[in-house]
Amino acid sequence: MAAAAYRIIQQETLRFLARGLSNAESAAELTVSEHTVKTHVANLLSKLQLRDRVHAVVFAYEAGAVVAGEG
């Protein structure tokens, strides 16, 4: 997968986490398997050195990746 495309998927995964979507819901949005989303989440947490999904949500808001009230 091209690096730019992979970055876009990681950004979308982070936005879905911040919106509270489950892995299954994120998979449906991305049209990939739930296992693929789990892999993206794990890679994202590792890359950003975050402990869990909650910390990823905090990071997303602090980094401006999402804005409160956006759907």
PDB file of N, CA and C in Angstrom:
ATOM      1  N   MET A   1       0.857  -1.184   0.000  1.00  0.00           N
ATOM      2  CA  MET A   1       0.000   0.000   0.000  1.00  0.00           C
ATOM      3  C   MET A   1       0.895   1.237   0.000  1.00  0.00           C
ATOM      4  N   ALA A   2       0.543   2.201  -0.799  1.00  0.00           N
ATOM      5  CA  ALA A   2       1.315   3.433  -0.885  1.00  0.00           C
ATOM      6  C   ALA A   2       1.277   4.158   0.455  1.00  0.00           C
ATOM      7  N   ALA A   3       2.377   4.825   0.772  1.00  0.00           N
ATOM      8  CA  ALA A   3       2.492   5.512   2.061  1.00  0.00           C
ATOM      9  C   ALA A   3       1.394   6.552   2.256  1.00  0.00           C
ATOM     10  N   ALA A   4       1.069   7.301   1.233  1.00  0.00           N
ATOM     11  CA  ALA A   4       0.035   8.341   1.348  1.00  0.00           C
ATOM     12  C   ALA A   4      -1.330   7.721   1.632  1.00  0.00           C
ATOM     13  N   ALA A   5      -1.645   6.641   0.959  1.00  0.00           N
ATOM     14  CA  ALA A   5      -2.928   5.967   1.184  1.00  0.00           C
ATOM     15  C   ALA A   5      -2.988   5.402   2.598  1.00  0.00           C
ATOM     16  N   TYR A   6      -1.879   4.854   3.072  1.00  0.00           N
ATOM     17  CA  TYR A   6      -1.837   4.300   4.417  1.00  0.00           C
ATOM     18  C   TYR A   6      -2.049   5.400   5.458  1.00  0.00           C
ATOM     19  N   ARG A   7      -1.447   6.555   5.246  1.00  0.00           N
ATOM     20  CA  ARG A   7      -1.630   7.683   6.170  1.00  0.00           C
ATOM     21  C   ARG A   7      -3.096   8.126   6.223  1.00  0.00           C
ATOM     22  N   ILE A   8      -3.743   8.145   5.082  1.00  0.00           N
ATOM     23  CA  ILE A   8      -5.157   8.525   5.033  1.00  0.00           C
ATOM     24  C   ILE A   8      -5.993   7.541   5.834  1.00  0.00           C
ATOM     25  N   ILE A   9      -5.720   6.257   5.681  1.00  0.00           N
ATOM     26  CA  ILE A   9      -6.453   5.244   6.435  1.00  0.00           C
ATOM     27  C   ILE A   9      -6.206   5.401   7.931  1.00  0.00           C
ATOM     28  N   GLN A  10      -4.967   5.692   8.324  1.00  0.00           N
ATOM     29  CA  GLN A  10      -4.668   5.912   9.735  1.00  0.00           C
ATOM     30  C   GLN A  10      -5.417   7.134  10.264  1.00  0.00           C
ATOM     31  N   GLN A  11      -5.485   8.192   9.480  1.00  0.00           N
ATOM     32  CA  GLN A  11      -6.205   9.395   9.900  1.00  0.00           C
ATOM     33  C   GLN A  11      -7.696   9.107  10.052  1.00  0.00           C
ATOM     34  N   GLU A  12      -8.252   8.375   9.113  1.00  0.00           N
ATOM     35  CA  GLU A  12      -9.672   8.014   9.201  1.00  0.00           C
ATOM     36  C   GLU A  12      -9.916   7.118  10.411  1.00  0.00           C
ATOM     37  N   THR A  13      -9.026   6.181  10.643  1.00  0.00           N
ATOM     38  CA  THR A  13      -9.152   5.297  11.807  1.00  0.00           C
ATOM     39  C   THR A  13      -9.156   6.116  13.086  1.00  0.00           C
ATOM     40  N   LEU A  14      -8.286   7.096  13.184  1.00  0.00           N
ATOM     41  CA  LEU A  14      -8.232   7.960  14.362  1.00  0.00           C
ATOM     42  C   LEU A  14      -9.529   8.751  14.507  1.00  0.00           C
ATOM     43  N   ARG A  15     -10.053   9.268  13.420  1.00  0.00           N
ATOM     44  CA  ARG A  15     -11.321  10.010  13.474  1.00  0.00           C
ATOM     45  C   ARG A  15     -12.472   9.108  13.922  1.00  0.00           C
ATOM     46  N   PHE A  16     -12.495   7.886  13.422  1.00  0.00           N
ATOM     47  CA  PHE A  16     -13.551   6.953  13.822  1.00  0.00           C
ATOM     48  C   PHE A  16     -13.446   6.612  15.307  1.00  0.00           C
ATOM     49  N   LEU A  17     -12.220   6.434  15.789  1.00  0.00           N
ATOM     50  CA  LEU A  17     -12.014   6.191  17.223  1.00  0.00           C
ATOM     51  C   LEU A  17     -12.561   7.355  18.031  1.00  0.00           C
ATOM     52  N   ALA A  18     -12.234   8.555  17.601  1.00  0.00           N
ATOM     53  CA  ALA A  18     -12.655   9.751  18.333  1.00  0.00           C
ATOM     54  C   ALA A  18     -14.173   9.917  18.316  1.00  0.00           C
ATOM     55  N   ARG A  19     -14.818   9.451  17.271  1.00  0.00           N
ATOM     56  CA  ARG A  19     -16.279   9.522  17.181  1.00  0.00           C
ATOM     57  C   ARG A  19     -16.959   8.400  17.949  1.00  0.00           C
ATOM     58  N   GLY A  20     -16.156   7.467  18.478  1.00  0.00           N
ATOM     59  CA  GLY A  20     -16.710   6.381  19.278  1.00  0.00           C
ATOM     60  C   GLY A  20     -17.184   5.182  18.484  1.00  0.00           C
ATOM     61  N   LEU A  21     -16.774   5.084  17.229  1.00  0.00           N
ATOM     62  CA  LEU A  21     -17.182   3.938  16.422  1.00  0.00           C
ATOM     63  C   LEU A  21     -16.476   2.673  16.888  1.00  0.00           C
ATOM     64  N   SER A  22     -17.174   1.565  16.820  1.00  0.00           N
ATOM     65  CA  SER A  22     -16.582   0.267  17.137  1.00  0.00           C
ATOM     66  C   SER A  22     -15.709  -0.171  15.962  1.00  0.00           C
ATOM     67  N   ASN A  23     -14.949  -1.234  16.164  1.00  0.00           N
ATOM     68  CA  ASN A  23     -14.147  -1.770  15.064  1.00  0.00           C
ATOM     69  C   ASN A  23     -15.040  -2.198  13.910  1.00  0.00           C
ATOM     70  N   ALA A  24     -16.177  -2.809  14.221  1.00  0.00           N
ATOM     71  CA  ALA A  24     -17.098  -3.260  13.177  1.00  0.00           C
ATOM     72  C   ALA A  24     -17.668  -2.074  12.396  1.00  0.00           C
ATOM     73  N   GLU A  25     -18.035  -1.014  13.109  1.00  0.00           N
ATOM     74  CA  GLU A  25     -18.566   0.177  12.439  1.00  0.00           C
ATOM     75  C   GLU A  25     -17.498   0.846  11.589  1.00  0.00           C
ATOM     76  N   SER A  26     -16.276   0.909  12.104  1.00  0.00           N
ATOM     77  CA  SER A  26     -15.168   1.492  11.333  1.00  0.00           C
ATOM     78  C   SER A  26     -14.892   0.658  10.089  1.00  0.00           C
ATOM     79  N   ALA A  27     -14.948  -0.653  10.231  1.00  0.00           N
ATOM     80  CA  ALA A  27     -14.720  -1.551   9.091  1.00  0.00           C
ATOM     81  C   ALA A  27     -15.754  -1.302   7.998  1.00  0.00           C
ATOM     82  N   ALA A  28     -17.004  -1.116   8.399  1.00  0.00           N
ATOM     83  CA  ALA A  28     -18.059  -0.847   7.414  1.00  0.00           C
ATOM     84  C   ALA A  28     -17.804   0.476   6.689  1.00  0.00           C
ATOM     85  N   GLU A  29     -17.378   1.486   7.430  1.00  0.00           N
ATOM     86  CA  GLU A  29     -17.085   2.795   6.820  1.00  0.00           C
ATOM     87  C   GLU A  29     -15.918   2.709   5.843  1.00  0.00           C
ATOM     88  N   LEU A  30     -14.896   1.934   6.211  1.00  0.00           N
ATOM     89  CA  LEU A  30     -13.692   1.817   5.386  1.00  0.00           C
ATOM     90  C   LEU A  30     -13.804   0.725   4.324  1.00  0.00           C
ATOM     91  N   THR A  31     -14.863  -0.051   4.382  1.00  0.00           N
ATOM     92  CA  THR A  31     -15.072  -1.219   3.518  1.00  0.00           C
ATOM     93  C   THR A  31     -13.883  -2.188   3.567  1.00  0.00           C
ATOM     94  N   VAL A  32     -13.490  -2.515   4.795  1.00  0.00           N
ATOM     95  CA  VAL A  32     -12.442  -3.501   5.046  1.00  0.00           C
ATOM     96  C   VAL A  32     -12.955  -4.439   6.139  1.00  0.00           C
ATOM     97  N   SER A  33     -12.181  -5.460   6.457  1.00  0.00           N
ATOM     98  CA  SER A  33     -12.597  -6.392   7.504  1.00  0.00           C
ATOM     99  C   SER A  33     -12.358  -5.788   8.889  1.00  0.00           C
ATOM    100  N   GLU A  34     -13.058  -6.329   9.864  1.00  0.00           N
ATOM    101  CA  GLU A  34     -12.864  -5.887  11.242  1.00  0.00           C
ATOM    102  C   GLU A  34     -11.439  -6.178  11.700  1.00  0.00           C
ATOM    103  N   HIS A  35     -10.887  -7.292  11.250  1.00  0.00           N
ATOM    104  CA  HIS A  35      -9.498  -7.636  11.589  1.00  0.00           C
ATOM    105  C   HIS A  35      -8.534  -6.564  11.074  1.00  0.00           C
ATOM    106  N   THR A  36      -8.784  -6.059   9.878  1.00  0.00           N
ATOM    107  CA  THR A  36      -7.933  -5.010   9.307  1.00  0.00           C
ATOM    108  C   THR A  36      -8.004  -3.746  10.164  1.00  0.00           C
ATOM    109  N   VAL A  37      -9.199  -3.397  10.621  1.00  0.00           N
ATOM    110  CA  VAL A  37      -9.344  -2.220  11.481  1.00  0.00           C
ATOM    111  C   VAL A  37      -8.582  -2.435  12.785  1.00  0.00           C
ATOM    112  N   LYS A  38      -8.693  -3.618  13.367  1.00  0.00           N
ATOM    113  CA  LYS A  38      -7.964  -3.909  14.606  1.00  0.00           C
ATOM    114  C   LYS A  38      -6.463  -3.738  14.399  1.00  0.00           C
ATOM    115  N   THR A  39      -5.980  -4.170  13.245  1.00  0.00           N
ATOM    116  CA  THR A  39      -4.558  -4.005  12.927  1.00  0.00           C
ATOM    117  C   THR A  39      -4.205  -2.526  12.812  1.00  0.00           C
ATOM    118  N   HIS A  40      -5.058  -1.753  12.136  1.00  0.00           N
ATOM    119  CA  HIS A  40      -4.810  -0.308  11.995  1.00  0.00           C
ATOM    120  C   HIS A  40      -4.812   0.373  13.362  1.00  0.00           C
ATOM    121  N   VAL A  41      -5.750   0.014  14.219  1.00  0.00           N
ATOM    122  CA  VAL A  41      -5.819   0.603  15.560  1.00  0.00           C
ATOM    123  C   VAL A  41      -4.551   0.264  16.336  1.00  0.00           C
ATOM    124  N   ALA A  42      -4.142  -0.995  16.311  1.00  0.00           N
ATOM    125  CA  ALA A  42      -2.928  -1.412  17.031  1.00  0.00           C
ATOM    126  C   ALA A  42      -1.702  -0.672  16.508  1.00  0.00           C
ATOM    127  N   ASN A  43      -1.592  -0.551  15.188  1.00  0.00           N
ATOM    128  CA  ASN A  43      -0.451   0.160  14.598  1.00  0.00           C
ATOM    129  C   ASN A  43      -0.468   1.642  14.969  1.00  0.00           C
ATOM    130  N   LEU A  44      -1.654   2.226  14.970  1.00  0.00           N
ATOM    131  CA  LEU A  44      -1.803   3.635  15.322  1.00  0.00           C
ATOM    132  C   LEU A  44      -1.403   3.878  16.785  1.00  0.00           C
ATOM    133  N   LEU A  45      -1.887   3.027  17.673  1.00  0.00           N
ATOM    134  CA  LEU A  45      -1.534   3.165  19.094  1.00  0.00           C
ATOM    135  C   LEU A  45      -0.034   3.032  19.294  1.00  0.00           C
ATOM    136  N   SER A  46       0.561   2.076  18.613  1.00  0.00           N
ATOM    137  CA  SER A  46       2.003   1.868  18.724  1.00  0.00           C
ATOM    138  C   SER A  46       2.780   3.059  18.165  1.00  0.00           C
ATOM    139  N   LYS A  47       2.397   3.505  16.983  1.00  0.00           N
ATOM    140  CA  LYS A  47       3.097   4.612  16.321  1.00  0.00           C
ATOM    141  C   LYS A  47       3.043   5.884  17.159  1.00  0.00           C
ATOM    142  N   LEU A  48       1.888   6.148  17.773  1.00  0.00           N
ATOM    143  CA  LEU A  48       1.711   7.367  18.567  1.00  0.00           C
ATOM    144  C   LEU A  48       2.086   7.171  20.034  1.00  0.00           C
ATOM    145  N   GLN A  49       2.492   5.952  20.375  1.00  0.00           N
ATOM    146  CA  GLN A  49       2.884   5.597  21.744  1.00  0.00           C
ATOM    147  C   GLN A  49       1.749   5.891  22.730  1.00  0.00           C
ATOM    148  N   LEU A  50       0.558   5.422  22.365  1.00  0.00           N
ATOM    149  CA  LEU A  50      -0.630   5.604  23.194  1.00  0.00           C
ATOM    150  C   LEU A  50      -1.002   4.260  23.812  1.00  0.00           C
ATOM    151  N   ARG A  51      -1.528   4.305  25.039  1.00  0.00           N
ATOM    152  CA  ARG A  51      -1.855   3.070  25.758  1.00  0.00           C
ATOM    153  C   ARG A  51      -3.094   2.371  25.249  1.00  0.00           C
ATOM    154  N   ASP A  52      -4.121   3.136  24.910  1.00  0.00           N
ATOM    155  CA  ASP A  52      -5.392   2.516  24.548  1.00  0.00           C
ATOM    156  C   ASP A  52      -6.239   3.476  23.716  1.00  0.00           C
ATOM    157  N   ARG A  53      -7.453   3.029  23.403  1.00  0.00           N
ATOM    158  CA  ARG A  53      -8.352   3.814  22.557  1.00  0.00           C
ATOM    159  C   ARG A  53      -8.716   5.147  23.201  1.00  0.00           C
ATOM    160  N   VAL A  54      -8.859   5.163  24.519  1.00  0.00           N
ATOM    161  CA  VAL A  54      -9.205   6.404  25.219  1.00  0.00           C
ATOM    162  C   VAL A  54      -8.115   7.450  24.999  1.00  0.00           C
ATOM    163  N   HIS A  55      -6.878   7.043  25.117  1.00  0.00           N
ATOM    164  CA  HIS A  55      -5.775   7.982  24.888  1.00  0.00           C
ATOM    165  C   HIS A  55      -5.730   8.438  23.429  1.00  0.00           C
ATOM    166  N   ALA A  56      -6.144   7.558  22.515  1.00  0.00           N
ATOM    167  CA  ALA A  56      -6.198   7.948  21.103  1.00  0.00           C
ATOM    168  C   ALA A  56      -7.253   9.030  20.883  1.00  0.00           C
ATOM    169  N   VAL A  57      -8.375   8.921  21.585  1.00  0.00           N
ATOM    170  CA  VAL A  57      -9.428   9.943  21.474  1.00  0.00           C
ATOM    171  C   VAL A  57      -8.915  11.286  21.988  1.00  0.00           C
ATOM    172  N   VAL A  58      -8.272  11.264  23.144  1.00  0.00           N
ATOM    173  CA  VAL A  58      -7.708  12.494  23.709  1.00  0.00           C
ATOM    174  C   VAL A  58      -6.705  13.094  22.727  1.00  0.00           C
ATOM    175  N   PHE A  59      -5.831  12.261  22.187  1.00  0.00           N
ATOM    176  CA  PHE A  59      -4.834  12.721  21.222  1.00  0.00           C
ATOM    177  C   PHE A  59      -5.515  13.354  20.005  1.00  0.00           C
ATOM    178  N   ALA A  60      -6.572  12.712  19.492  1.00  0.00           N
ATOM    179  CA  ALA A  60      -7.264  13.215  18.301  1.00  0.00           C
ATOM    180  C   ALA A  60      -7.808  14.620  18.533  1.00  0.00           C
ATOM    181  N   TYR A  61      -8.403  14.844  19.691  1.00  0.00           N
ATOM    182  CA  TYR A  61      -8.946  16.174  19.995  1.00  0.00           C
ATOM    183  C   TYR A  61      -7.826  17.186  20.206  1.00  0.00           C
ATOM    184  N   GLU A  62      -6.798  16.807  20.940  1.00  0.00           N
ATOM    185  CA  GLU A  62      -5.691  17.735  21.199  1.00  0.00           C
ATOM    186  C   GLU A  62      -4.931  18.089  19.931  1.00  0.00           C
ATOM    187  N   ALA A  63      -4.848  17.144  19.004  1.00  0.00           N
ATOM    188  CA  ALA A  63      -4.119  17.373  17.753  1.00  0.00           C
ATOM    189  C   ALA A  63      -4.982  18.094  16.721  1.00  0.00           C
ATOM    190  N   GLY A  64      -6.271  18.250  17.014  1.00  0.00           N
ATOM    191  CA  GLY A  64      -7.164  18.919  16.063  1.00  0.00           C
ATOM    192  C   GLY A  64      -7.645  18.031  14.946  1.00  0.00           C
ATOM    193  N   ALA A  65      -7.467  16.718  15.089  1.00  0.00           N
ATOM    194  CA  ALA A  65      -7.931  15.789  14.053  1.00  0.00           C
ATOM    195  C   ALA A  65      -9.452  15.731  14.004  1.00  0.00           C
ATOM    196  N   VAL A  66     -10.080  16.021  15.138  1.00  0.00           N
ATOM    197  CA  VAL A  66     -11.535  16.105  15.213  1.00  0.00           C
ATOM    198  C   VAL A  66     -11.909  17.318  16.066  1.00  0.00           C
ATOM    199  N   VAL A  67     -13.126  17.797  15.840  1.00  0.00           N
ATOM    200  CA  VAL A  67     -13.636  18.935  16.596  1.00  0.00           C
ATOM    201  C   VAL A  67     -14.921  18.493  17.257  1.00  0.00           C
ATOM    202  N   ALA A  68     -15.108  18.849  18.517  1.00  0.00           N
ATOM    203  CA  ALA A  68     -16.304  18.470  19.238  1.00  0.00           C
ATOM    204  C   ALA A  68     -17.556  18.900  18.477  1.00  0.00           C
ATOM    205  N   GLY A  69     -18.518  17.991  18.377  1.00  0.00           N
ATOM    206  CA  GLY A  69     -19.760  18.295  17.709  1.00  0.00           C
ATOM    207  C   GLY A  69     -19.803  17.903  16.234  1.00  0.00           C
ATOM    208  N   GLU A  70     -18.645  17.571  15.666  1.00  0.00           N
ATOM    209  CA  GLU A  70     -18.624  17.123  14.266  1.00  0.00           C
ATOM    210  C   GLU A  70     -19.056  15.673  14.211  1.00  0.00           C
ATOM    211  N   GLY A  71     -19.833  15.322  13.222  1.00  0.00           N
ATOM    212  CA  GLY A  71     -20.338  13.955  13.118  1.00  0.00           C
ATOM    213  C   GLY A  71     -19.660  13.221  12.078  1.00  0.00           C
TER     214      GLY A  71
END
